[in-house]
Amino acid sequence: MNVKHPILCRALLSAATILTVLIVDQWSKILVKTSMLLHEKIEITNWFYICFIENRGMAFGMDFIGTMFLSLFRIVAVGVFCWLLVRIIKKSLPMGFIFCFSLIVSGAAGNIIDNCFYGLIFEESPNYGWFCDTPAQMVAWGEGYGSFLSGKVVDMFYFPLFTWPDWMPLLGGQVFFNAIFNVADAAISCGAVALLLFYYKRLNSQLFSKQQSNEENVLNSNDKEHDEA
């Protein structure tokens, strides 16, 4: 029981993290999808906007491999990450490490839900400024704008923190941090950055210790065989 208790605590932390991120992510996406037109922008402050866009492909708008192939790749990747997460929990690694890794898994899973199901359950969102001013709504299963694995990811958070001065070479006049993202993207980014900042040395130390232990076992085994000879 003493061995299983920390594993149970870590499993509950991971499950709660993943479930929370998925609920908040999907709630925000459905709310934006059903209440805003595509490319519509709502100003919260002068440095924070809700701006509804849909992303078909990879980061930075790349779309050369197609939504379906990207969706399949994401599903395989999440499967691998889930397998790693289970191994990490069983090894009783630090709670913070498991929390960060769970953020990455939940973020990837959140975008996969869009890819898999949004094309089946939502109408096509009309562009802002068109004659149609009615946002997309949920429809009966299979009557949406696309098919399984062809759904588009909903993004909405936009933080144009400032604009570079015109006199700066290359960057002059451009907006700093002009990416538009969602809760799932934020979870992936925060989890990955936190892992690199707080657990990079620990991971290297554990890897080195494991390698050193294996080398010592090999040397001890050779010494034992030599003594027996």
Protein backbone atom coordinates (compact mmCIF):
# COMPACT_ATOMS: atom_id res chain seq x y z
CA MET A 1 0.00 0.00 0.00
CA ASN A 2 2.87 2.37 0.80
CA VAL A 3 4.26 1.83 -2.68
CA LYS A 4 0.98 2.23 -4.52
CA HIS A 5 -0.19 5.34 -2.65
CA PRO A 6 2.18 7.84 -4.36
CA ILE A 7 1.38 6.24 -7.71
CA LEU A 8 -2.34 6.71 -7.07
CA CYS A 9 -1.82 10.38 -6.11
CA ARG A 10 0.15 11.01 -9.29
CA ALA A 11 -2.44 9.22 -11.42
CA LEU A 12 -5.23 11.33 -9.89
CA LEU A 13 -3.24 14.54 -10.48
CA SER A 14 -2.65 13.59 -14.10
CA ALA A 15 -6.31 12.64 -14.71
CA ALA A 16 -7.58 15.85 -13.06
CA THR A 17 -5.17 17.98 -15.10
CA ILE A 18 -6.11 16.37 -18.40
CA LEU A 19 -9.84 16.49 -17.69
CA THR A 20 -9.75 20.15 -16.60
CA VAL A 21 -7.80 21.30 -19.65
CA LEU A 22 -10.07 19.36 -22.02
CA ILE A 23 -13.25 20.79 -20.47
CA VAL A 24 -12.02 24.41 -20.52
CA ASP A 25 -10.55 24.02 -24.00
CA GLN A 26 -13.68 22.53 -25.56
CA TRP A 27 -16.02 24.91 -23.73
CA SER A 28 -14.11 27.96 -25.03
CA LYS A 29 -13.95 26.58 -28.58
CA ILE A 30 -17.64 25.70 -28.77
CA LEU A 31 -18.59 29.08 -27.30
CA VAL A 32 -16.53 30.95 -29.90
CA LYS A 33 -17.59 28.70 -32.78
CA THR A 34 -21.31 29.15 -32.06
CA SER A 35 -21.30 32.86 -31.18
CA MET A 36 -18.77 34.49 -33.54
CA LEU A 37 -18.20 34.76 -37.27
CA LEU A 38 -14.91 33.64 -38.79
CA HIS A 39 -12.26 36.38 -38.46
CA GLU A 40 -14.51 38.41 -36.16
CA LYS A 41 -12.54 40.22 -33.47
CA ILE A 42 -13.65 41.35 -30.00
CA GLU A 43 -11.42 43.81 -28.14
CA ILE A 44 -11.03 43.03 -24.44
CA THR A 45 -8.13 45.45 -23.91
CA ASN A 46 -5.76 47.15 -26.33
CA TRP A 47 -3.38 44.21 -25.90
CA PHE A 48 -5.90 41.31 -25.69
CA TYR A 49 -8.48 40.30 -28.29
CA ILE A 50 -10.79 37.36 -28.92
CA CYS A 51 -10.21 36.70 -32.61
CA PHE A 52 -11.90 33.67 -34.17
CA ILE A 53 -9.90 31.79 -36.77
CA GLU A 54 -9.74 28.14 -37.86
CA ASN A 55 -6.56 26.26 -38.54
CA ARG A 56 -6.50 23.39 -41.07
CA GLY A 57 -2.87 22.36 -40.80
CA MET A 58 0.30 22.56 -38.79
CA ALA A 59 1.79 25.48 -36.92
CA PHE A 60 2.42 28.73 -38.80
CA GLY A 61 -0.39 27.87 -41.23
CA MET A 62 1.47 25.12 -43.07
CA ASP A 63 -1.02 22.86 -44.83
CA PHE A 64 1.05 20.84 -47.27
CA ILE A 65 0.37 17.40 -45.77
CA GLY A 66 -3.39 17.76 -45.41
CA THR A 67 -5.65 17.80 -42.38
CA MET A 68 -6.35 14.04 -42.37
CA PHE A 69 -2.68 13.00 -42.38
CA LEU A 70 -1.91 15.58 -39.71
CA SER A 71 -4.79 14.28 -37.59
CA LEU A 72 -3.51 10.71 -37.85
CA PHE A 73 -0.03 11.87 -36.89
CA ARG A 74 -1.43 13.71 -33.86
CA ILE A 75 -3.38 10.63 -32.75
CA VAL A 76 -0.27 8.46 -32.91
CA ALA A 77 1.75 11.13 -31.10
CA VAL A 78 -0.82 11.40 -28.29
CA GLY A 79 -0.85 7.62 -27.97
CA VAL A 80 2.93 7.62 -27.51
CA PHE A 81 2.72 10.46 -24.98
CA CYS A 82 0.02 8.63 -23.01
CA TRP A 83 2.22 5.54 -22.90
CA LEU A 84 5.13 7.64 -21.63
CA LEU A 85 2.86 9.31 -19.06
CA VAL A 86 1.83 5.94 -17.64
CA ARG A 87 5.49 4.93 -17.32
CA ILE A 88 6.33 8.24 -15.66
CA ILE A 89 3.51 7.79 -13.12
CA LYS A 90 4.60 4.23 -12.32
CA LYS A 91 8.14 5.48 -11.65
CA SER A 92 6.73 8.00 -9.15
CA LEU A 93 8.58 10.94 -10.65
CA PRO A 94 7.96 14.40 -9.09
CA MET A 95 4.39 15.69 -9.07
CA GLY A 96 5.42 18.83 -10.93
CA PHE A 97 6.95 16.77 -13.72
CA ILE A 98 3.77 14.72 -14.09
CA PHE A 99 1.65 17.89 -14.05
CA CYS A 100 3.72 19.45 -16.86
CA PHE A 101 3.66 16.28 -18.94
CA SER A 102 -0.11 15.98 -18.41
CA LEU A 103 -0.53 19.54 -19.75
CA ILE A 104 1.20 18.50 -22.97
CA VAL A 105 -0.95 15.38 -23.34
CA SER A 106 -4.20 17.24 -22.65
CA GLY A 107 -3.33 20.04 -25.08
CA ALA A 108 -2.56 17.63 -27.89
CA ALA A 109 -5.75 15.68 -27.17
CA GLY A 110 -7.80 18.88 -27.18
CA ASN A 111 -6.79 19.77 -30.74
CA ILE A 112 -7.34 16.17 -31.85
CA ILE A 113 -10.98 16.43 -30.77
CA ASP A 114 -11.40 19.35 -33.18
CA ASN A 115 -9.77 17.41 -36.02
CA CYS A 116 -11.83 14.28 -35.43
CA PHE A 117 -15.31 15.60 -34.68
CA TYR A 118 -15.85 19.27 -35.49
CA GLY A 119 -16.35 18.57 -39.19
CA LEU A 120 -19.12 16.14 -38.26
CA ILE A 121 -21.07 18.26 -35.78
CA PHE A 122 -20.68 21.91 -36.88
CA GLU A 123 -21.78 24.02 -39.82
CA GLU A 124 -19.19 25.92 -41.82
CA SER A 125 -18.49 29.26 -40.12
CA PRO A 126 -19.31 32.24 -42.39
CA ASN A 127 -16.69 34.96 -42.73
CA TYR A 128 -17.13 38.19 -40.84
CA GLY A 129 -18.38 40.91 -43.19
CA TRP A 130 -20.36 38.58 -45.46
CA PHE A 131 -24.10 39.01 -45.90
CA CYS A 132 -24.67 36.17 -43.46
CA ASP A 133 -24.39 37.33 -39.84
CA THR A 134 -25.41 34.06 -38.15
CA PRO A 135 -22.60 32.05 -36.53
CA ALA A 136 -22.22 28.34 -37.18
CA GLN A 137 -24.35 26.02 -35.06
CA MET A 138 -24.14 22.38 -34.03
CA VAL A 139 -25.95 19.99 -36.35
CA ALA A 140 -26.94 16.33 -36.30
CA TRP A 141 -24.07 13.86 -36.33
CA GLY A 142 -22.53 13.58 -39.80
CA GLU A 143 -24.27 16.65 -41.25
CA GLY A 144 -21.45 19.09 -40.64
CA TYR A 145 -19.03 20.80 -43.00
CA GLY A 146 -16.58 17.90 -43.21
CA SER A 147 -15.85 14.28 -42.43
CA PHE A 148 -14.07 12.38 -39.69
CA LEU A 149 -10.46 13.59 -39.25
CA SER A 150 -11.05 16.64 -41.46
CA GLY A 151 -12.24 19.10 -38.81
CA LYS A 152 -10.54 22.47 -38.34
CA VAL A 153 -8.99 23.56 -35.05
CA VAL A 154 -10.61 26.62 -33.45
CA ASP A 155 -8.23 29.38 -32.24
CA MET A 156 -9.26 32.58 -30.48
CA PHE A 157 -6.71 34.21 -28.13
CA TYR A 158 -4.73 37.10 -29.60
CA PHE A 159 -2.22 39.19 -27.62
CA PRO A 160 -0.77 42.01 -29.76
CA LEU A 161 1.40 43.25 -26.89
CA PHE A 162 3.08 46.03 -28.88
CA THR A 163 4.25 47.08 -32.33
CA TRP A 164 7.94 47.35 -33.12
CA PRO A 165 9.09 50.90 -34.02
CA ASP A 166 9.20 51.65 -37.74
CA TRP A 167 12.91 52.47 -37.59
CA MET A 168 13.86 48.91 -36.55
CA PRO A 169 15.24 46.84 -39.45
CA LEU A 170 13.20 43.78 -40.45
CA LEU A 171 10.79 44.06 -37.48
CA GLY A 172 9.69 47.67 -37.93
CA GLY A 173 5.90 48.07 -37.93
CA GLN A 174 5.24 44.41 -37.11
CA VAL A 175 3.23 43.24 -34.11
CA PHE A 176 5.12 41.44 -31.36
CA PHE A 177 3.58 38.02 -30.69
CA ASN A 178 0.92 38.00 -33.37
CA ALA A 179 0.04 34.31 -32.99
CA ILE A 180 -3.58 33.33 -32.37
CA PHE A 181 -3.98 30.25 -30.17
CA ASN A 182 -6.35 28.30 -27.95
CA VAL A 183 -6.32 26.74 -24.47
CA ALA A 184 -4.87 23.47 -25.80
CA ASP A 185 -1.98 25.31 -27.46
CA ALA A 186 -1.32 27.20 -24.23
CA ALA A 187 -1.28 23.95 -22.24
CA ILE A 188 1.26 22.39 -24.62
CA SER A 189 3.50 25.46 -24.57
CA CYS A 190 3.37 25.96 -20.79
CA GLY A 191 3.99 22.28 -20.10
CA ALA A 192 6.94 22.06 -22.49
CA VAL A 193 8.56 25.29 -21.27
CA ALA A 194 8.14 24.30 -17.62
CA LEU A 195 9.73 20.90 -18.26
CA LEU A 196 12.74 22.54 -19.90
CA LEU A 197 13.11 25.17 -17.19
CA PHE A 198 12.57 23.12 -14.05
CA TYR A 199 13.30 19.48 -14.91
CA TYR A 200 15.97 19.48 -17.61
CA LYS A 201 18.86 18.98 -15.17
CA ARG A 202 16.93 16.39 -13.19
CA LEU A 203 16.25 14.35 -16.33
CA ASN A 204 19.89 14.50 -17.37
CA SER A 205 20.97 13.48 -13.89
CA GLN A 206 18.60 10.51 -13.85
CA LEU A 207 19.72 9.44 -17.31
CA PHE A 208 23.38 9.69 -16.35
CA SER A 209 22.81 7.80 -13.11
CA LYS A 210 21.00 5.02 -14.97
CA GLN A 211 23.76 4.77 -17.54
CA GLN A 212 26.42 4.77 -14.84
CA SER A 213 24.57 2.07 -12.91
CA ASN A 214 24.39 -0.12 -16.03
CA GLU A 215 28.11 0.31 -16.64
CA GLU A 216 28.87 -0.62 -13.03
CA ASN A 217 26.72 -3.74 -13.34
CA VAL A 218 28.60 -4.78 -16.46
CA LEU A 219 31.97 -4.23 -14.76
CA ASN A 220 30.89 -6.13 -11.66
CA SER A 221 29.66 -8.99 -13.82
CA ASN A 222 32.99 -9.13 -15.69
CA ASP A 223 34.93 -9.05 -12.42
CA LYS A 224 32.80 -11.90 -11.03
CA GLU A 225 33.40 -14.02 -14.14
CA HIS A 226 37.13 -13.30 -13.91
CA ASP A 227 37.28 -14.33 -10.23
CA GLU A 228 35.40 -17.55 -10.94
CA ALA A 229 37.82 -18.34 -13.76
